[in-house]
PDB file of N, CA and C in Angstrom:
ATOM      1  N   MET A   1       0.296  33.174 -13.872  1.00  0.00           N
ATOM      2  CA  MET A   1       0.362  32.929 -15.295  1.00  0.00           C
ATOM      3  C   MET A   1       1.707  33.386 -15.855  1.00  0.00           C
ATOM      4  N   ARG A   2       2.343  34.334 -15.175  1.00  0.00           N
ATOM      5  CA  ARG A   2       3.646  34.829 -15.609  1.00  0.00           C
ATOM      6  C   ARG A   2       4.786  34.138 -14.879  1.00  0.00           C
ATOM      7  N   GLY A   3       4.463  33.284 -13.943  1.00  0.00           N
ATOM      8  CA  GLY A   3       5.496  32.608 -13.180  1.00  0.00           C
ATOM      9  C   GLY A   3       5.955  33.381 -11.955  1.00  0.00           C
ATOM     10  N   ILE A   4       5.341  34.531 -11.713  1.00  0.00           N
ATOM     11  CA  ILE A   4       5.631  35.319 -10.512  1.00  0.00           C
ATOM     12  C   ILE A   4       4.312  35.794  -9.928  1.00  0.00           C
ATOM     13  N   ARG A   5       4.306  36.049  -8.646  1.00  0.00           N
ATOM     14  CA  ARG A   5       3.086  36.514  -7.994  1.00  0.00           C
ATOM     15  C   ARG A   5       2.884  37.989  -8.299  1.00  0.00           C
ATOM     16  N   ARG A   6       1.647  38.408  -8.457  1.00  0.00           N
ATOM     17  CA  ARG A   6       1.332  39.798  -8.785  1.00  0.00           C
ATOM     18  C   ARG A   6       0.264  40.329  -7.833  1.00  0.00           C
ATOM     19  N   GLU A   7       0.546  40.269  -6.525  1.00  0.00           N
ATOM     20  CA  GLU A   7      -0.432  40.709  -5.531  1.00  0.00           C
ATOM     21  C   GLU A   7      -0.873  42.148  -5.752  1.00  0.00           C
ATOM     22  N   ALA A   8       0.061  43.030  -6.119  1.00  0.00           N
ATOM     23  CA  ALA A   8      -0.294  44.446  -6.314  1.00  0.00           C
ATOM     24  C   ALA A   8      -1.325  44.594  -7.426  1.00  0.00           C
ATOM     25  N   ASP A   9      -1.158  43.856  -8.511  1.00  0.00           N
ATOM     26  CA  ASP A   9      -2.124  43.938  -9.604  1.00  0.00           C
ATOM     27  C   ASP A   9      -3.488  43.422  -9.171  1.00  0.00           C
ATOM     28  N   HIS A  10      -3.506  42.257  -8.522  1.00  0.00           N
ATOM     29  CA  HIS A  10      -4.782  41.677  -8.102  1.00  0.00           C
ATOM     30  C   HIS A  10      -5.439  42.541  -7.028  1.00  0.00           C
ATOM     31  N   HIS A  11      -4.647  43.138  -6.170  1.00  0.00           N
ATOM     32  CA  HIS A  11      -5.204  44.064  -5.178  1.00  0.00           C
ATOM     33  C   HIS A  11      -5.891  45.230  -5.874  1.00  0.00           C
ATOM     34  N   PHE A  12      -5.269  45.765  -6.916  1.00  0.00           N
ATOM     35  CA  PHE A  12      -5.869  46.875  -7.661  1.00  0.00           C
ATOM     36  C   PHE A  12      -7.188  46.467  -8.285  1.00  0.00           C
ATOM     37  N   TRP A  13      -7.200  45.333  -8.996  1.00  0.00           N
ATOM     38  CA  TRP A  13      -8.416  44.931  -9.708  1.00  0.00           C
ATOM     39  C   TRP A  13      -9.556  44.619  -8.750  1.00  0.00           C
ATOM     40  N   ALA A  14      -9.255  43.933  -7.665  1.00  0.00           N
ATOM     41  CA  ALA A  14     -10.314  43.543  -6.717  1.00  0.00           C
ATOM     42  C   ALA A  14     -10.643  44.648  -5.727  1.00  0.00           C
ATOM     43  N   GLY A  15      -9.730  45.586  -5.505  1.00  0.00           N
ATOM     44  CA  GLY A  15      -9.940  46.659  -4.532  1.00  0.00           C
ATOM     45  C   GLY A  15     -10.463  47.924  -5.173  1.00  0.00           C
ATOM     46  N   PRO A  16      -9.566  48.876  -5.478  1.00  0.00           N
ATOM     47  CA  PRO A  16      -9.995  50.164  -6.028  1.00  0.00           C
ATOM     48  C   PRO A  16     -10.823  50.053  -7.308  1.00  0.00           C
ATOM     49  N   ALA A  17     -10.485  49.127  -8.178  1.00  0.00           N
ATOM     50  CA  ALA A  17     -11.232  48.989  -9.424  1.00  0.00           C
ATOM     51  C   ALA A  17     -12.593  48.335  -9.193  1.00  0.00           C
ATOM     52  N   GLY A  18     -12.724  47.567  -8.108  1.00  0.00           N
ATOM     53  CA  GLY A  18     -14.010  46.969  -7.742  1.00  0.00           C
ATOM     54  C   GLY A  18     -14.473  45.823  -8.618  1.00  0.00           C
ATOM     55  N   LEU A  19     -13.561  45.140  -9.283  1.00  0.00           N
ATOM     56  CA  LEU A  19     -13.952  44.017 -10.135  1.00  0.00           C
ATOM     57  C   LEU A  19     -14.084  42.739  -9.323  1.00  0.00           C
ATOM     58  N   ARG A  20     -14.926  41.827  -9.807  1.00  0.00           N
ATOM     59  CA  ARG A  20     -15.051  40.512  -9.182  1.00  0.00           C
ATOM     60  C   ARG A  20     -14.093  39.559  -9.870  1.00  0.00           C
ATOM     61  N   GLY A  21     -13.213  38.947  -9.103  1.00  0.00           N
ATOM     62  CA  GLY A  21     -12.228  38.047  -9.671  1.00  0.00           C
ATOM     63  C   GLY A  21     -12.479  36.606  -9.285  1.00  0.00           C
ATOM     64  N   ARG A  22     -12.042  35.716 -10.161  1.00  0.00           N
ATOM     65  CA  ARG A  22     -12.165  34.280  -9.909  1.00  0.00           C
ATOM     66  C   ARG A  22     -10.899  33.584 -10.394  1.00  0.00           C
ATOM     67  N   GLN A  23     -10.492  32.548  -9.658  1.00  0.00           N
ATOM     68  CA  GLN A  23      -9.452  31.647 -10.136  1.00  0.00           C
ATOM     69  C   GLN A  23     -10.130  30.487 -10.840  1.00  0.00           C
ATOM     70  N   VAL A  24      -9.487  29.950 -11.847  1.00  0.00           N
ATOM     71  CA  VAL A  24      -9.992  28.777 -12.548  1.00  0.00           C
ATOM     72  C   VAL A  24      -9.060  27.625 -12.215  1.00  0.00           C
ATOM     73  N   LEU A  25      -9.636  26.566 -11.672  1.00  0.00           N
ATOM     74  CA  LEU A  25      -8.865  25.398 -11.250  1.00  0.00           C
ATOM     75  C   LEU A  25      -9.179  24.201 -12.132  1.00  0.00           C
ATOM     76  N   ARG A  26      -8.159  23.399 -12.370  1.00  0.00           N
ATOM     77  CA  ARG A  26      -8.346  22.097 -13.015  1.00  0.00           C
ATOM     78  C   ARG A  26      -7.572  21.095 -12.171  1.00  0.00           C
ATOM     79  N   GLU A  27      -8.297  20.127 -11.619  1.00  0.00           N
ATOM     80  CA  GLU A  27      -7.703  19.109 -10.748  1.00  0.00           C
ATOM     81  C   GLU A  27      -6.891  19.739  -9.620  1.00  0.00           C
ATOM     82  N   GLY A  28      -7.413  20.816  -9.044  1.00  0.00           N
ATOM     83  CA  GLY A  28      -6.800  21.465  -7.894  1.00  0.00           C
ATOM     84  C   GLY A  28      -5.685  22.438  -8.202  1.00  0.00           C
ATOM     85  N   ALA A  29      -5.295  22.554  -9.466  1.00  0.00           N
ATOM     86  CA  ALA A  29      -4.222  23.481  -9.849  1.00  0.00           C
ATOM     87  C   ALA A  29      -4.818  24.705 -10.544  1.00  0.00           C
ATOM     88  N   VAL A  30      -4.274  25.876 -10.241  1.00  0.00           N
ATOM     89  CA  VAL A  30      -4.728  27.098 -10.894  1.00  0.00           C
ATOM     90  C   VAL A  30      -4.259  27.089 -12.339  1.00  0.00           C
ATOM     91  N   VAL A  31      -5.223  27.213 -13.276  1.00  0.00           N
ATOM     92  CA  VAL A  31      -4.882  27.250 -14.701  1.00  0.00           C
ATOM     93  C   VAL A  31      -5.252  28.588 -15.336  1.00  0.00           C
ATOM     94  N   GLY A  32      -5.885  29.458 -14.556  1.00  0.00           N
ATOM     95  CA  GLY A  32      -6.250  30.758 -15.095  1.00  0.00           C
ATOM     96  C   GLY A  32      -6.986  31.585 -14.067  1.00  0.00           C
ATOM     97  N   TYR A  33      -7.306  32.798 -14.483  1.00  0.00           N
ATOM     98  CA  TYR A  33      -8.116  33.690 -13.662  1.00  0.00           C
ATOM     99  C   TYR A  33      -8.837  34.668 -14.572  1.00  0.00           C
ATOM    100  N   TYR A  34      -9.861  35.304 -14.046  1.00  0.00           N
ATOM    101  CA  TYR A  34     -10.545  36.364 -14.778  1.00  0.00           C
ATOM    102  C   TYR A  34     -11.209  37.303 -13.797  1.00  0.00           C
ATOM    103  N   TYR A  35     -11.430  38.504 -14.272  1.00  0.00           N
ATOM    104  CA  TYR A  35     -12.192  39.517 -13.543  1.00  0.00           C
ATOM    105  C   TYR A  35     -13.347  39.930 -14.429  1.00  0.00           C
ATOM    106  N   VAL A  36     -14.483  40.249 -13.819  1.00  0.00           N
ATOM    107  CA  VAL A  36     -15.635  40.738 -14.563  1.00  0.00           C
ATOM    108  C   VAL A  36     -16.159  42.012 -13.907  1.00  0.00           C
ATOM    109  N   ASP A  37     -16.705  42.868 -14.744  1.00  0.00           N
ATOM    110  CA  ASP A  37     -17.293  44.114 -14.290  1.00  0.00           C
ATOM    111  C   ASP A  37     -18.352  44.511 -15.292  1.00  0.00           C
ATOM    112  N   GLY A  38     -19.595  44.583 -14.859  1.00  0.00           N
ATOM    113  CA  GLY A  38     -20.655  44.878 -15.816  1.00  0.00           C
ATOM    114  C   GLY A  38     -20.685  43.784 -16.866  1.00  0.00           C
ATOM    115  N   GLY A  39     -20.533  44.150 -18.128  1.00  0.00           N
ATOM    116  CA  GLY A  39     -20.505  43.170 -19.200  1.00  0.00           C
ATOM    117  C   GLY A  39     -19.114  42.890 -19.720  1.00  0.00           C
ATOM    118  N   ALA A  40     -18.096  43.429 -19.067  1.00  0.00           N
ATOM    119  CA  ALA A  40     -16.733  43.265 -19.565  1.00  0.00           C
ATOM    120  C   ALA A  40     -15.973  42.197 -18.800  1.00  0.00           C
ATOM    121  N   VAL A  41     -15.173  41.448 -19.537  1.00  0.00           N
ATOM    122  CA  VAL A  41     -14.269  40.466 -18.953  1.00  0.00           C
ATOM    123  C   VAL A  41     -12.855  41.004 -19.111  1.00  0.00           C
ATOM    124  N   GLY A  42     -12.107  41.005 -18.043  1.00  0.00           N
ATOM    125  CA  GLY A  42     -10.707  41.382 -18.152  1.00  0.00           C
ATOM    126  C   GLY A  42     -10.260  42.210 -16.974  1.00  0.00           C
ATOM    127  N   PRO A  43      -9.050  42.008 -16.584  1.00  0.00           N
ATOM    128  CA  PRO A  43      -8.096  41.132 -17.237  1.00  0.00           C
ATOM    129  C   PRO A  43      -8.416  39.660 -16.981  1.00  0.00           C
ATOM    130  N   ALA A  44      -7.897  38.838 -17.861  1.00  0.00           N
ATOM    131  CA  ALA A  44      -8.026  37.388 -17.735  1.00  0.00           C
ATOM    132  C   ALA A  44      -6.765  36.768 -18.312  1.00  0.00           C
ATOM    133  N   ALA A  45      -6.405  35.606 -17.807  1.00  0.00           N
ATOM    134  CA  ALA A  45      -5.213  34.917 -18.308  1.00  0.00           C
ATOM    135  C   ALA A  45      -5.348  33.428 -18.043  1.00  0.00           C
ATOM    136  N   TRP A  46      -4.568  32.660 -18.783  1.00  0.00           N
ATOM    137  CA  TRP A  46      -4.541  31.208 -18.598  1.00  0.00           C
ATOM    138  C   TRP A  46      -3.136  30.705 -18.800  1.00  0.00           C
ATOM    139  N   SER A  47      -2.886  29.507 -18.276  1.00  0.00           N
ATOM    140  CA  SER A  47      -1.533  28.943 -18.279  1.00  0.00           C
ATOM    141  C   SER A  47      -1.100  28.434 -19.639  1.00  0.00           C
ATOM    142  N   ASN A  48      -2.045  27.969 -20.447  1.00  0.00           N
ATOM    143  CA  ASN A  48      -1.723  27.501 -21.797  1.00  0.00           C
ATOM    144  C   ASN A  48      -2.978  27.585 -22.657  1.00  0.00           C
ATOM    145  N   ALA A  49      -2.801  27.525 -23.966  1.00  0.00           N
ATOM    146  CA  ALA A  49      -3.904  27.727 -24.908  1.00  0.00           C
ATOM    147  C   ALA A  49      -5.080  26.777 -24.672  1.00  0.00           C
ATOM    148  N   ALA A  50      -4.808  25.587 -24.193  1.00  0.00           N
ATOM    149  CA  ALA A  50      -5.877  24.609 -23.969  1.00  0.00           C
ATOM    150  C   ALA A  50      -6.869  25.070 -22.904  1.00  0.00           C
ATOM    151  N   GLU A  51      -6.485  26.002 -22.050  1.00  0.00           N
ATOM    152  CA  GLU A  51      -7.362  26.474 -20.973  1.00  0.00           C
ATOM    153  C   GLU A  51      -8.175  27.707 -21.366  1.00  0.00           C
ATOM    154  N   ALA A  52      -7.928  28.282 -22.539  1.00  0.00           N
ATOM    155  CA  ALA A  52      -8.628  29.496 -22.961  1.00  0.00           C
ATOM    156  C   ALA A  52     -10.146  29.317 -22.935  1.00  0.00           C
ATOM    157  N   GLY A  53     -10.620  28.225 -23.481  1.00  0.00           N
ATOM    158  CA  GLY A  53     -12.064  27.992 -23.543  1.00  0.00           C
ATOM    159  C   GLY A  53     -12.708  27.931 -22.175  1.00  0.00           C
ATOM    160  N   ALA A  54     -12.061  27.249 -21.230  1.00  0.00           N
ATOM    161  CA  ALA A  54     -12.622  27.132 -19.883  1.00  0.00           C
ATOM    162  C   ALA A  54     -12.686  28.491 -19.198  1.00  0.00           C
ATOM    163  N   VAL A  55     -11.601  29.260 -19.278  1.00  0.00           N
ATOM    164  CA  VAL A  55     -11.571  30.562 -18.616  1.00  0.00           C
ATOM    165  C   VAL A  55     -12.625  31.488 -19.226  1.00  0.00           C
ATOM    166  N   MET A  56     -12.675  31.544 -20.545  1.00  0.00           N
ATOM    167  CA  MET A  56     -13.630  32.433 -21.204  1.00  0.00           C
ATOM    168  C   MET A  56     -15.068  31.982 -20.967  1.00  0.00           C
ATOM    169  N   ALA A  57     -15.326  30.679 -20.976  1.00  0.00           N
ATOM    170  CA  ALA A  57     -16.687  30.172 -20.750  1.00  0.00           C
ATOM    171  C   ALA A  57     -17.162  30.476 -19.337  1.00  0.00           C
ATOM    172  N   LEU A  58     -16.290  30.288 -18.354  1.00  0.00           N
ATOM    173  CA  LEU A  58     -16.681  30.581 -16.973  1.00  0.00           C
ATOM    174  C   LEU A  58     -16.937  32.066 -16.770  1.00  0.00           C
ATOM    175  N   ALA A  59     -16.115  32.914 -17.379  1.00  0.00           N
ATOM    176  CA  ALA A  59     -16.331  34.362 -17.273  1.00  0.00           C
ATOM    177  C   ALA A  59     -17.651  34.753 -17.930  1.00  0.00           C
ATOM    178  N   ALA A  60     -17.910  34.211 -19.110  1.00  0.00           N
ATOM    179  CA  ALA A  60     -19.169  34.508 -19.799  1.00  0.00           C
ATOM    180  C   ALA A  60     -20.365  34.010 -18.992  1.00  0.00           C
ATOM    181  N   ARG A  61     -20.231  32.852 -18.371  1.00  0.00           N
ATOM    182  CA  ARG A  61     -21.317  32.322 -17.539  1.00  0.00           C
ATOM    183  C   ARG A  61     -21.620  33.245 -16.374  1.00  0.00           C
ATOM    184  N   ASP A  62     -20.570  33.772 -15.723  1.00  0.00           N
ATOM    185  CA  ASP A  62     -20.796  34.712 -14.618  1.00  0.00           C
ATOM    186  C   ASP A  62     -21.563  35.940 -15.086  1.00  0.00           C
ATOM    187  N   LEU A  63     -21.199  36.471 -16.238  1.00  0.00           N
ATOM    188  CA  LEU A  63     -21.887  37.649 -16.755  1.00  0.00           C
ATOM    189  C   LEU A  63     -23.314  37.318 -17.168  1.00  0.00           C
ATOM    190  N   ASP A  64     -23.508  36.158 -17.787  1.00  0.00           N
ATOM    191  CA  ASP A  64     -24.839  35.756 -18.210  1.00  0.00           C
ATOM    192  C   ASP A  64     -25.763  35.606 -17.015  1.00  0.00           C
ATOM    193  N   ARG A  65     -25.268  35.025 -15.939  1.00  0.00           N
ATOM    194  CA  ARG A  65     -26.079  34.871 -14.722  1.00  0.00           C
ATOM    195  C   ARG A  65     -26.478  36.221 -14.145  1.00  0.00           C
ATOM    196  N   ALA A  66     -25.637  37.231 -14.366  1.00  0.00           N
ATOM    197  CA  ALA A  66     -25.929  38.576 -13.875  1.00  0.00           C
ATOM    198  C   ALA A  66     -26.797  39.354 -14.877  1.00  0.00           C
ATOM    199  N   GLY A  67     -27.123  38.729 -16.005  1.00  0.00           N
ATOM    200  CA  GLY A  67     -27.949  39.383 -17.012  1.00  0.00           C
ATOM    201  C   GLY A  67     -27.198  40.426 -17.822  1.00  0.00           C
ATOM    202  N   ALA A  68     -25.879  40.337 -17.836  1.00  0.00           N
ATOM    203  CA  ALA A  68     -25.072  41.331 -18.541  1.00  0.00           C
ATOM    204  C   ALA A  68     -24.664  40.834 -19.923  1.00  0.00           C
ATOM    205  N   ARG A  69     -24.447  41.775 -20.828  1.00  0.00           N
ATOM    206  CA  ARG A  69     -23.906  41.467 -22.140  1.00  0.00           C
ATOM    207  C   ARG A  69     -22.419  41.129 -21.959  1.00  0.00           C
ATOM    208  N   VAL A  70     -21.905  40.216 -22.751  1.00  0.00           N
ATOM    209  CA  VAL A  70     -20.525  39.764 -22.612  1.00  0.00           C
ATOM    210  C   VAL A  70     -19.633  40.505 -23.603  1.00  0.00           C
ATOM    211  N   ARG A  71     -18.500  41.026 -23.097  1.00  0.00           N
ATOM    212  CA  ARG A  71     -17.530  41.700 -23.961  1.00  0.00           C
ATOM    213  C   ARG A  71     -16.127  41.260 -23.575  1.00  0.00           C
ATOM    214  N   PHE A  72     -15.377  40.785 -24.569  1.00  0.00           N
ATOM    215  CA  PHE A  72     -13.978  40.424 -24.394  1.00  0.00           C
ATOM    216  C   PHE A  72     -13.138  41.377 -25.246  1.00  0.00           C
ATOM    217  N   VAL A  73     -11.998  41.796 -24.740  1.00  0.00           N
ATOM    218  CA  VAL A  73     -10.998  42.519 -25.528  1.00  0.00           C
ATOM    219  C   VAL A  73      -9.889  41.518 -25.803  1.00  0.00           C
ATOM    220  N   VAL A  74      -9.689  41.184 -27.071  1.00  0.00           N
ATOM    221  CA  VAL A  74      -8.761  40.114 -27.433  1.00  0.00           C
ATOM    222  C   VAL A  74      -7.620  40.673 -28.277  1.00  0.00           C
ATOM    223  N   PRO A  75      -6.394  40.601 -27.775  1.00  0.00           N
ATOM    224  CA  PRO A  75      -5.255  40.992 -28.612  1.00  0.00           C
ATOM    225  C   PRO A  75      -5.150  40.056 -29.815  1.00  0.00           C
ATOM    226  N   GLY A  76      -4.810  40.596 -30.967  1.00  0.00           N
ATOM    227  CA  GLY A  76      -4.726  39.792 -32.185  1.00  0.00           C
ATOM    228  C   GLY A  76      -3.775  38.619 -32.101  1.00  0.00           C
ATOM    229  N   ILE A  77      -2.767  38.722 -31.252  1.00  0.00           N
ATOM    230  CA  ILE A  77      -1.807  37.631 -31.094  1.00  0.00           C
ATOM    231  C   ILE A  77      -2.407  36.448 -30.329  1.00  0.00           C
ATOM    232  N   ASN A  78      -3.530  36.656 -29.658  1.00  0.00           N
ATOM    233  CA  ASN A  78      -4.137  35.620 -28.831  1.00  0.00           C
ATOM    234  C   ASN A  78      -5.053  34.743 -29.685  1.00  0.00           C
ATOM    235  N   GLN A  79      -4.443  33.837 -30.435  1.00  0.00           N
ATOM    236  CA  GLN A  79      -5.181  32.984 -31.360  1.00  0.00           C
ATOM    237  C   GLN A  79      -6.172  32.058 -30.651  1.00  0.00           C
ATOM    238  N   ALA A  80      -5.827  31.561 -29.473  1.00  0.00           N
ATOM    239  CA  ALA A  80      -6.745  30.675 -28.745  1.00  0.00           C
ATOM    240  C   ALA A  80      -8.030  31.420 -28.394  1.00  0.00           C
ATOM    241  N   ALA A  81      -7.919  32.645 -27.910  1.00  0.00           N
ATOM    242  CA  ALA A  81      -9.106  33.430 -27.552  1.00  0.00           C
ATOM    243  C   ALA A  81      -9.926  33.768 -28.787  1.00  0.00           C
ATOM    244  N   LEU A  82      -9.265  34.081 -29.894  1.00  0.00           N
ATOM    245  CA  LEU A  82      -9.993  34.373 -31.131  1.00  0.00           C
ATOM    246  C   LEU A  82     -10.768  33.145 -31.606  1.00  0.00           C
ATOM    247  N   ARG A  83     -10.144  31.961 -31.525  1.00  0.00           N
ATOM    248  CA  ARG A  83     -10.838  30.728 -31.925  1.00  0.00           C
ATOM    249  C   ARG A  83     -12.054  30.474 -31.043  1.00  0.00           C
ATOM    250  N   VAL A  84     -11.892  30.629 -29.718  1.00  0.00           N
ATOM    251  CA  VAL A  84     -13.008  30.417 -28.791  1.00  0.00           C
ATOM    252  C   VAL A  84     -14.128  31.414 -29.088  1.00  0.00           C
ATOM    253  N   ALA A  85     -13.782  32.666 -29.282  1.00  0.00           N
ATOM    254  CA  ALA A  85     -14.795  33.699 -29.547  1.00  0.00           C
ATOM    255  C   ALA A  85     -15.562  33.399 -30.831  1.00  0.00           C
ATOM    256  N   CYS A  86     -14.857  33.066 -31.903  1.00  0.00           N
ATOM    257  CA  CYS A  86     -15.521  32.772 -33.175  1.00  0.00           C
ATOM    258  C   CYS A  86     -16.386  31.523 -33.074  1.00  0.00           C
ATOM    259  N   ALA A  87     -15.876  30.487 -32.429  1.00  0.00           N
ATOM    260  CA  ALA A  87     -16.642  29.246 -32.278  1.00  0.00           C
ATOM    261  C   ALA A  87     -17.883  29.445 -31.412  1.00  0.00           C
ATOM    262  N   SER A  88     -17.850  30.439 -30.540  1.00  0.00           N
ATOM    263  CA  SER A  88     -18.979  30.722 -29.652  1.00  0.00           C
ATOM    264  C   SER A  88     -20.010  31.646 -30.285  1.00  0.00           C
ATOM    265  N   GLY A  89     -19.728  32.121 -31.486  1.00  0.00           N
ATOM    266  CA  GLY A  89     -20.673  32.998 -32.172  1.00  0.00           C
ATOM    267  C   GLY A  89     -20.567  34.460 -31.780  1.00  0.00           C
ATOM    268  N   LEU A  90     -19.495  34.827 -31.069  1.00  0.00           N
ATOM    269  CA  LEU A  90     -19.314  36.238 -30.729  1.00  0.00           C
ATOM    270  C   LEU A  90     -18.951  37.005 -31.991  1.00  0.00           C
ATOM    271  N   ARG A  91     -19.230  38.294 -31.997  1.00  0.00           N
ATOM    272  CA  ARG A  91     -18.941  39.079 -33.195  1.00  0.00           C
ATOM    273  C   ARG A  91     -17.921  40.166 -32.891  1.00  0.00           C
ATOM    274  N   LEU A  92     -17.168  40.530 -33.912  1.00  0.00           N
ATOM    275  CA  LEU A  92     -16.180  41.585 -33.815  1.00  0.00           C
ATOM    276  C   LEU A  92     -16.902  42.923 -33.925  1.00  0.00           C
ATOM    277  N   VAL A  93     -16.700  43.785 -32.935  1.00  0.00           N
ATOM    278  CA  VAL A  93     -17.383  45.080 -32.969  1.00  0.00           C
ATOM    279  C   VAL A  93     -16.420  46.261 -32.993  1.00  0.00           C
ATOM    280  N   ALA A  94     -15.150  46.031 -32.731  1.00  0.00           N
ATOM    281  CA  ALA A  94     -14.170  47.118 -32.749  1.00  0.00           C
ATOM    282  C   ALA A  94     -12.784  46.532 -32.927  1.00  0.00           C
ATOM    283  N   VAL A  95     -11.886  47.355 -33.401  1.00  0.00           N
ATOM    284  CA  VAL A  95     -10.508  46.945 -33.598  1.00  0.00           C
ATOM    285  C   VAL A  95      -9.601  48.019 -33.010  1.00  0.00           C
ATOM    286  N   ASN A  96      -8.560  47.584 -32.321  1.00  0.00           N
ATOM    287  CA  ASN A  96      -7.520  48.508 -31.892  1.00  0.00           C
ATOM    288  C   ASN A  96      -6.182  47.809 -32.095  1.00  0.00           C
ATOM    289  N   HIS A  97      -5.118  48.553 -31.989  1.00  0.00           N
ATOM    290  CA  HIS A  97      -3.789  47.995 -32.250  1.00  0.00           C
ATOM    291  C   HIS A  97      -2.881  48.219 -31.059  1.00  0.00           C
ATOM    292  N   PHE A  98      -2.083  47.225 -30.778  1.00  0.00           N
ATOM    293  CA  PHE A  98      -1.034  47.316 -29.767  1.00  0.00           C
ATOM    294  C   PHE A  98       0.258  46.993 -30.493  1.00  0.00           C
ATOM    295  N   LEU A  99       1.034  48.008 -30.786  1.00  0.00           N
ATOM    296  CA  LEU A  99       2.239  47.824 -31.573  1.00  0.00           C
ATOM    297  C   LEU A  99       3.460  47.772 -30.668  1.00  0.00           C
ATOM    298  N   THR A 100       4.370  46.876 -30.989  1.00  0.00           N
ATOM    299  CA  THR A 100       5.600  46.745 -30.233  1.00  0.00           C
ATOM    300  C   THR A 100       6.710  46.298 -31.178  1.00  0.00           C
ATOM    301  N   THR A 101       7.934  46.683 -30.883  1.00  0.00           N
ATOM    302  CA  THR A 101       9.056  46.292 -31.724  1.00  0.00           C
ATOM    303  C   THR A 101       9.705  44.995 -31.245  1.00  0.00           C
ATOM    304  N   ALA A 102       9.258  44.502 -30.107  1.00  0.00           N
ATOM    305  CA  ALA A 102       9.799  43.258 -29.559  1.00  0.00           C
ATOM    306  C   ALA A 102       8.675  42.514 -28.844  1.00  0.00           C
ATOM    307  N   PRO A 103       8.809  41.216 -28.666  1.00  0.00           N
ATOM    308  CA  PRO A 103       7.779  40.477 -27.918  1.00  0.00           C
ATOM    309  C   PRO A 103       7.529  41.123 -26.559  1.00  0.00           C
ATOM    310  N   PHE A 104       6.273  41.083 -26.136  1.00  0.00           N
ATOM    311  CA  PHE A 104       5.868  41.736 -24.905  1.00  0.00           C
ATOM    312  C   PHE A 104       5.039  40.770 -24.078  1.00  0.00           C
ATOM    313  N   GLY A 105       5.569  40.294 -22.972  1.00  0.00           N
ATOM    314  CA  GLY A 105       4.810  39.425 -22.073  1.00  0.00           C
ATOM    315  C   GLY A 105       4.318  38.166 -22.761  1.00  0.00           C
ATOM    316  N   HIS A 106       3.145  37.726 -22.358  1.00  0.00           N
ATOM    317  CA  HIS A 106       2.511  36.535 -22.927  1.00  0.00           C
ATOM    318  C   HIS A 106       1.112  36.890 -23.382  1.00  0.00           C
ATOM    319  N   LEU A 107       1.005  37.815 -24.312  1.00  0.00           N
ATOM    320  CA  LEU A 107      -0.309  38.269 -24.767  1.00  0.00           C
ATOM    321  C   LEU A 107      -1.112  37.164 -25.437  1.00  0.00           C
ATOM    322  N   GLU A 108      -0.457  36.078 -25.819  1.00  0.00           N
ATOM    323  CA  GLU A 108      -1.190  34.953 -26.397  1.00  0.00           C
ATOM    324  C   GLU A 108      -1.973  34.183 -25.330  1.00  0.00           C
ATOM    325  N   ARG A 109      -1.776  34.528 -24.052  1.00  0.00           N
ATOM    326  CA  ARG A 109      -2.498  33.875 -22.954  1.00  0.00           C
ATOM    327  C   ARG A 109      -3.214  34.900 -22.081  1.00  0.00           C
ATOM    328  N   TYR A 110      -3.506  36.063 -22.619  1.00  0.00           N
ATOM    329  CA  TYR A 110      -3.993  37.163 -21.797  1.00  0.00           C
ATOM    330  C   TYR A 110      -5.093  37.934 -22.506  1.00  0.00           C
ATOM    331  N   LEU A 111      -6.089  38.367 -21.730  1.00  0.00           N
ATOM    332  CA  LEU A 111      -7.110  39.300 -22.198  1.00  0.00           C
ATOM    333  C   LEU A 111      -7.016  40.535 -21.318  1.00  0.00           C
ATOM    334  N   PRO A 112      -6.791  41.699 -21.887  1.00  0.00           N
ATOM    335  CA  PRO A 112      -6.696  42.912 -21.076  1.00  0.00           C
ATOM    336  C   PRO A 112      -8.060  43.372 -20.590  1.00  0.00           C
ATOM    337  N   SER A 113      -8.052  44.329 -19.692  1.00  0.00           N
ATOM    338  CA  SER A 113      -9.314  44.896 -19.210  1.00  0.00           C
ATOM    339  C   SER A 113      -9.908  45.840 -20.225  1.00  0.00           C
ATOM    340  N   GLY A 114      -9.137  46.298 -21.144  1.00  0.00           N
ATOM    341  CA  GLY A 114      -9.606  47.208 -22.184  1.00  0.00           C
ATOM    342  C   GLY A 114      -8.428  47.657 -23.022  1.00  0.00           C
ATOM    343  N   PRO A 115      -8.698  48.391 -24.065  1.00  0.00           N
ATOM    344  CA  PRO A 115      -7.620  48.759 -24.970  1.00  0.00           C
ATOM    345  C   PRO A 115      -6.604  49.719 -24.374  1.00  0.00           C
ATOM    346  N   LEU A 116      -6.950  50.418 -23.307  1.00  0.00           N
ATOM    347  CA  LEU A 116      -6.038  51.408 -22.758  1.00  0.00           C
ATOM    348  C   LEU A 116      -5.199  50.915 -21.594  1.00  0.00           C
ATOM    349  N   LEU A 117      -5.543  49.771 -21.023  1.00  0.00           N
ATOM    350  CA  LEU A 117      -4.841  49.287 -19.847  1.00  0.00           C
ATOM    351  C   LEU A 117      -4.553  47.806 -19.966  1.00  0.00           C
ATOM    352  N   TYR A 118      -3.313  47.457 -20.154  1.00  0.00           N
ATOM    353  CA  TYR A 118      -2.894  46.063 -20.209  1.00  0.00           C
ATOM    354  C   TYR A 118      -2.387  45.663 -18.851  1.00  0.00           C
TER     355      TYR A 118
END
């Protein structure tokens, strides 16, 4: 999603952190990924805003099949994720802030694992 491979990050999430990860494909091309743990989704990312709904829906489906409550942590800059969440009837239960003096990564295409770890 960043244009570079991040094996160390994925090794951490799938290994020591013990999260279940999935790639999201459209017509054979990777358009996103997500990790789930308990009722939480994240980290998750997609290649462009049009893929947000697919990535979030598949992650929610995995959690629903496991009987878990669904929780997304959505940075305020991620308008696509906010639209998907609101359209899906999810509710806002907490607010946190990530302040920066300059653009940081591609947070408009990313869901963190939680407020403390991006």
